[in-house]
Amino acid sequence: VQHSEKMVNRMFLLFVFLKAAFALVLVARETENYCTVDDDTRLNTRQDCISNDDCLPFDDCSLNGFCFNNTRFFKMGCPCENHDDCPEACYTGRNNPSCGPWLF
């Protein structure tokens, strides 16, 4: 009985470790450097869809029937100096100014 408990505990720890490692890989893929690529490359996710399964990872199927990714579209988190560096707003009041959507 003790042996099987140890095996279950080890399997659980392995599962937790693998899940954390997979999450790090997903974060690394999500944060690919879309800040410095041209707009055509950055916005290459607009394909037709019926559900999220039809879209690339991290994209969602919008109500309009095409895949969309807010972070890439608005260059959220990308460094900027002024609004011309961003599709919409440059939040210059931050310690590290970055792009994002207009909030009003």
N, C-alpha and C. Protein backbone atom coordinates (compact mmCIF):
# COMPACT_ATOMS: atom_id res chain seq x y z
N VAL A 1 0.83 -1.18 0.00
CA VAL A 1 0.00 0.00 0.00
C VAL A 1 0.88 1.25 0.00
N GLN A 2 1.95 1.25 0.81
CA GLN A 2 2.84 2.41 0.84
C GLN A 2 3.51 2.64 -0.51
N HIS A 3 3.85 1.54 -1.17
CA HIS A 3 4.50 1.66 -2.47
C HIS A 3 3.58 2.34 -3.48
N SER A 4 2.32 1.98 -3.47
CA SER A 4 1.39 2.60 -4.43
C SER A 4 1.13 4.06 -4.08
N GLU A 5 1.12 4.42 -2.79
CA GLU A 5 0.97 5.82 -2.41
C GLU A 5 2.16 6.64 -2.89
N LYS A 6 3.36 6.10 -2.75
CA LYS A 6 4.54 6.79 -3.23
C LYS A 6 4.48 6.97 -4.75
N MET A 7 4.02 5.93 -5.43
CA MET A 7 3.91 6.00 -6.89
C MET A 7 2.90 7.08 -7.29
N VAL A 8 1.77 7.14 -6.60
CA VAL A 8 0.76 8.15 -6.90
C VAL A 8 1.31 9.54 -6.63
N ASN A 9 2.01 9.72 -5.51
CA ASN A 9 2.61 11.02 -5.19
C ASN A 9 3.63 11.42 -6.24
N ARG A 10 4.45 10.48 -6.68
CA ARG A 10 5.45 10.78 -7.70
C ARG A 10 4.79 11.13 -9.03
N MET A 11 3.76 10.40 -9.37
CA MET A 11 3.04 10.70 -10.62
C MET A 11 2.39 12.07 -10.55
N PHE A 12 1.82 12.39 -9.38
CA PHE A 12 1.20 13.70 -9.21
C PHE A 12 2.25 14.81 -9.35
N LEU A 13 3.39 14.65 -8.71
CA LEU A 13 4.45 15.64 -8.81
C LEU A 13 4.96 15.76 -10.25
N LEU A 14 5.08 14.64 -10.93
CA LEU A 14 5.50 14.67 -12.32
C LEU A 14 4.47 15.42 -13.17
N PHE A 15 3.19 15.15 -12.92
CA PHE A 15 2.12 15.83 -13.65
C PHE A 15 2.18 17.34 -13.41
N VAL A 16 2.35 17.76 -12.17
CA VAL A 16 2.43 19.18 -11.83
C VAL A 16 3.64 19.82 -12.52
N PHE A 17 4.77 19.14 -12.47
CA PHE A 17 5.98 19.66 -13.12
C PHE A 17 5.78 19.81 -14.62
N LEU A 18 5.24 18.76 -15.26
CA LEU A 18 5.03 18.82 -16.71
C LEU A 18 4.02 19.90 -17.09
N LYS A 19 2.99 20.06 -16.27
CA LYS A 19 2.00 21.09 -16.56
C LYS A 19 2.64 22.48 -16.46
N ALA A 20 3.46 22.69 -15.45
CA ALA A 20 4.15 23.98 -15.31
C ALA A 20 5.11 24.22 -16.47
N ALA A 21 5.83 23.19 -16.87
CA ALA A 21 6.75 23.32 -17.99
C ALA A 21 5.99 23.63 -19.28
N PHE A 22 4.86 22.97 -19.50
CA PHE A 22 4.04 23.23 -20.68
C PHE A 22 3.53 24.66 -20.66
N ALA A 23 3.13 25.16 -19.49
CA ALA A 23 2.66 26.54 -19.37
C ALA A 23 3.76 27.51 -19.74
N LEU A 24 4.99 27.23 -19.35
CA LEU A 24 6.11 28.10 -19.72
C LEU A 24 6.32 28.11 -21.22
N VAL A 25 6.16 26.97 -21.86
CA VAL A 25 6.29 26.90 -23.31
C VAL A 25 5.20 27.74 -23.96
N LEU A 26 3.97 27.64 -23.44
CA LEU A 26 2.87 28.43 -23.99
C LEU A 26 3.13 29.92 -23.84
N VAL A 27 3.65 30.32 -22.68
CA VAL A 27 3.95 31.73 -22.46
C VAL A 27 5.03 32.16 -23.45
N ALA A 28 6.02 31.34 -23.66
CA ALA A 28 7.07 31.69 -24.60
C ALA A 28 6.52 31.82 -26.01
N ARG A 29 5.57 30.96 -26.39
CA ARG A 29 4.99 31.06 -27.73
C ARG A 29 4.11 32.29 -27.84
N GLU A 30 3.37 32.59 -26.79
CA GLU A 30 2.48 33.75 -26.82
C GLU A 30 3.26 35.04 -26.92
N THR A 31 4.42 35.07 -26.30
CA THR A 31 5.18 36.31 -26.27
C THR A 31 6.25 36.34 -27.36
N GLU A 32 6.02 35.61 -28.46
CA GLU A 32 6.94 35.73 -29.58
C GLU A 32 7.06 37.21 -29.91
N ASN A 33 8.17 37.61 -30.46
CA ASN A 33 8.42 39.03 -30.64
C ASN A 33 7.58 39.61 -31.78
N TYR A 34 6.33 39.88 -31.49
CA TYR A 34 5.45 40.50 -32.47
C TYR A 34 5.61 42.02 -32.44
N CYS A 35 6.41 42.54 -31.53
CA CYS A 35 6.59 43.99 -31.40
C CYS A 35 7.39 44.58 -32.56
N THR A 36 8.32 43.82 -33.10
CA THR A 36 9.22 44.39 -34.10
C THR A 36 8.94 43.91 -35.52
N VAL A 37 7.95 43.04 -35.70
CA VAL A 37 7.66 42.56 -37.05
C VAL A 37 6.73 43.53 -37.78
N ASP A 38 6.70 43.42 -39.10
CA ASP A 38 5.83 44.30 -39.88
C ASP A 38 4.36 43.92 -39.63
N ASP A 39 3.46 44.83 -39.98
CA ASP A 39 2.04 44.62 -39.70
C ASP A 39 1.48 43.39 -40.38
N ASP A 40 1.90 43.08 -41.60
CA ASP A 40 1.38 41.89 -42.28
C ASP A 40 1.72 40.62 -41.51
N THR A 41 2.93 40.54 -41.00
CA THR A 41 3.34 39.38 -40.21
C THR A 41 2.62 39.35 -38.87
N ARG A 42 2.54 40.50 -38.23
CA ARG A 42 1.90 40.58 -36.90
C ARG A 42 0.41 40.23 -36.97
N LEU A 43 -0.24 40.57 -38.05
CA LEU A 43 -1.69 40.36 -38.17
C LEU A 43 -2.03 39.17 -39.05
N ASN A 44 -1.13 38.20 -39.15
CA ASN A 44 -1.35 37.06 -40.04
C ASN A 44 -2.35 36.04 -39.49
N THR A 45 -3.05 36.38 -38.43
CA THR A 45 -3.93 35.41 -37.78
C THR A 45 -5.37 35.50 -38.27
N ARG A 46 -5.67 36.40 -39.19
CA ARG A 46 -7.07 36.57 -39.61
C ARG A 46 -7.46 35.53 -40.66
N GLN A 47 -7.81 34.34 -40.19
CA GLN A 47 -8.36 33.36 -41.10
C GLN A 47 -9.81 33.10 -40.70
N ASP A 48 -10.59 32.61 -41.63
CA ASP A 48 -12.00 32.31 -41.35
C ASP A 48 -12.10 31.21 -40.32
N CYS A 49 -13.15 31.27 -39.49
CA CYS A 49 -13.32 30.25 -38.47
C CYS A 49 -14.79 30.10 -38.11
N ILE A 50 -15.08 28.95 -37.53
CA ILE A 50 -16.40 28.68 -36.96
C ILE A 50 -16.27 28.54 -35.44
N SER A 51 -15.12 28.02 -35.00
CA SER A 51 -14.86 27.87 -33.56
C SER A 51 -13.38 28.14 -33.30
N ASN A 52 -13.00 28.22 -32.03
CA ASN A 52 -11.61 28.46 -31.65
C ASN A 52 -10.68 27.36 -32.18
N ASP A 53 -11.22 26.17 -32.40
CA ASP A 53 -10.41 25.07 -32.91
C ASP A 53 -9.87 25.35 -34.32
N ASP A 54 -10.52 26.27 -35.03
CA ASP A 54 -10.09 26.62 -36.39
C ASP A 54 -8.95 27.64 -36.40
N CYS A 55 -8.61 28.18 -35.23
CA CYS A 55 -7.63 29.27 -35.13
C CYS A 55 -6.29 28.76 -34.63
N LEU A 56 -5.27 29.60 -34.85
CA LEU A 56 -3.95 29.32 -34.32
C LEU A 56 -3.98 29.39 -32.80
N PRO A 57 -2.99 28.78 -32.11
CA PRO A 57 -2.96 28.89 -30.65
C PRO A 57 -2.98 30.36 -30.23
N PHE A 58 -3.70 30.67 -29.18
CA PHE A 58 -3.82 32.00 -28.59
C PHE A 58 -4.76 32.93 -29.35
N ASP A 59 -5.33 32.47 -30.46
CA ASP A 59 -6.32 33.26 -31.19
C ASP A 59 -7.71 32.76 -30.82
N ASP A 60 -8.67 33.63 -30.92
CA ASP A 60 -10.06 33.28 -30.66
C ASP A 60 -10.88 33.53 -31.91
N CYS A 61 -11.90 32.71 -32.10
CA CYS A 61 -12.82 32.91 -33.22
C CYS A 61 -13.81 34.00 -32.81
N SER A 62 -13.79 35.11 -33.53
CA SER A 62 -14.65 36.23 -33.20
C SER A 62 -16.08 35.99 -33.69
N LEU A 63 -17.00 36.81 -33.24
CA LEU A 63 -18.38 36.71 -33.67
C LEU A 63 -18.51 36.99 -35.17
N ASN A 64 -17.52 37.68 -35.73
CA ASN A 64 -17.53 38.00 -37.16
C ASN A 64 -17.04 36.84 -38.02
N GLY A 65 -16.60 35.75 -37.39
CA GLY A 65 -16.17 34.57 -38.13
C GLY A 65 -14.74 34.59 -38.61
N PHE A 66 -13.87 35.32 -37.93
CA PHE A 66 -12.45 35.26 -38.24
C PHE A 66 -11.65 35.21 -36.95
N CYS A 67 -10.45 34.63 -37.04
CA CYS A 67 -9.59 34.48 -35.86
C CYS A 67 -8.99 35.83 -35.50
N PHE A 68 -8.84 36.06 -34.20
CA PHE A 68 -8.37 37.36 -33.72
C PHE A 68 -7.58 37.19 -32.44
N ASN A 69 -6.55 38.00 -32.26
CA ASN A 69 -5.74 38.00 -31.06
C ASN A 69 -5.54 39.45 -30.62
N ASN A 70 -6.19 39.85 -29.53
CA ASN A 70 -6.11 41.23 -29.04
C ASN A 70 -4.68 41.68 -28.76
N THR A 71 -3.89 40.82 -28.15
CA THR A 71 -2.54 41.19 -27.76
C THR A 71 -1.71 41.55 -28.98
N ARG A 72 -1.76 40.72 -30.00
CA ARG A 72 -1.00 40.99 -31.22
C ARG A 72 -1.58 42.18 -31.97
N PHE A 73 -2.90 42.28 -32.06
CA PHE A 73 -3.53 43.35 -32.84
C PHE A 73 -3.17 44.72 -32.29
N PHE A 74 -3.28 44.89 -30.97
CA PHE A 74 -3.01 46.19 -30.35
C PHE A 74 -1.55 46.34 -29.93
N LYS A 75 -0.71 45.33 -30.21
CA LYS A 75 0.70 45.34 -29.80
C LYS A 75 0.82 45.59 -28.30
N MET A 76 -0.09 45.00 -27.54
CA MET A 76 -0.13 45.22 -26.10
C MET A 76 1.19 44.81 -25.46
N GLY A 77 1.75 45.72 -24.68
CA GLY A 77 3.00 45.48 -23.99
C GLY A 77 4.24 45.84 -24.78
N CYS A 78 4.09 46.18 -26.06
CA CYS A 78 5.25 46.55 -26.86
C CYS A 78 5.72 47.95 -26.47
N PRO A 79 7.02 48.16 -26.37
CA PRO A 79 7.52 49.49 -26.00
C PRO A 79 7.18 50.53 -27.07
N CYS A 80 6.96 51.76 -26.63
CA CYS A 80 6.64 52.85 -27.56
C CYS A 80 7.11 54.17 -26.97
N GLU A 81 7.20 55.16 -27.85
CA GLU A 81 7.52 56.52 -27.42
C GLU A 81 6.34 57.45 -27.61
N ASN A 82 5.51 57.16 -28.63
CA ASN A 82 4.33 57.99 -28.88
C ASN A 82 3.28 57.14 -29.61
N HIS A 83 2.11 57.71 -29.87
CA HIS A 83 1.01 56.97 -30.48
C HIS A 83 1.34 56.44 -31.87
N ASP A 84 2.26 57.08 -32.57
CA ASP A 84 2.63 56.61 -33.91
C ASP A 84 3.30 55.25 -33.89
N ASP A 85 3.82 54.84 -32.73
CA ASP A 85 4.49 53.55 -32.60
C ASP A 85 3.50 52.40 -32.41
N CYS A 86 2.22 52.72 -32.23
CA CYS A 86 1.21 51.72 -31.87
C CYS A 86 0.02 51.77 -32.82
N PRO A 87 -0.72 50.67 -32.94
CA PRO A 87 -1.95 50.69 -33.72
C PRO A 87 -2.99 51.65 -33.14
N GLU A 88 -2.99 51.79 -31.81
CA GLU A 88 -3.92 52.74 -31.17
C GLU A 88 -3.16 53.64 -30.21
N ALA A 89 -3.10 53.26 -28.94
CA ALA A 89 -2.56 54.15 -27.91
C ALA A 89 -1.17 53.73 -27.44
N CYS A 90 -0.37 54.74 -27.10
CA CYS A 90 0.89 54.53 -26.40
C CYS A 90 0.68 55.09 -25.00
N TYR A 91 0.75 54.23 -24.01
CA TYR A 91 0.56 54.66 -22.62
C TYR A 91 1.87 55.25 -22.10
N THR A 92 2.06 56.54 -22.36
CA THR A 92 3.32 57.20 -22.03
C THR A 92 3.44 57.53 -20.55
N GLY A 93 2.37 57.44 -19.80
CA GLY A 93 2.40 57.73 -18.38
C GLY A 93 2.97 56.60 -17.54
N ARG A 94 3.26 55.48 -18.15
CA ARG A 94 3.82 54.33 -17.42
C ARG A 94 5.33 54.49 -17.28
N ASN A 95 5.90 53.78 -16.30
CA ASN A 95 7.36 53.79 -16.15
C ASN A 95 8.03 53.32 -17.42
N ASN A 96 7.48 52.29 -18.03
CA ASN A 96 7.95 51.77 -19.31
C ASN A 96 6.80 51.91 -20.29
N PRO A 97 6.74 53.01 -21.06
CA PRO A 97 5.61 53.22 -21.97
C PRO A 97 5.40 52.03 -22.89
N SER A 98 4.12 51.64 -23.08
CA SER A 98 3.82 50.49 -23.92
C SER A 98 2.49 50.70 -24.64
N CYS A 99 2.31 49.94 -25.73
CA CYS A 99 1.10 50.03 -26.55
C CYS A 99 -0.08 49.32 -25.91
N GLY A 100 -1.26 49.74 -26.34
CA GLY A 100 -2.49 49.09 -25.92
C GLY A 100 -3.67 49.76 -26.60
N PRO A 101 -4.88 49.32 -26.32
CA PRO A 101 -6.06 49.90 -26.96
C PRO A 101 -6.48 51.18 -26.24
N TRP A 102 -7.20 52.05 -26.97
CA TRP A 102 -7.83 53.19 -26.31
C TRP A 102 -8.88 52.65 -25.35
N LEU A 103 -8.92 53.16 -24.16
CA LEU A 103 -9.85 52.64 -23.15
C LEU A 103 -11.08 53.51 -22.98
N PHE A 104 -11.26 54.48 -23.84
CA PHE A 104 -12.45 55.34 -23.74
C PHE A 104 -12.97 55.65 -25.10
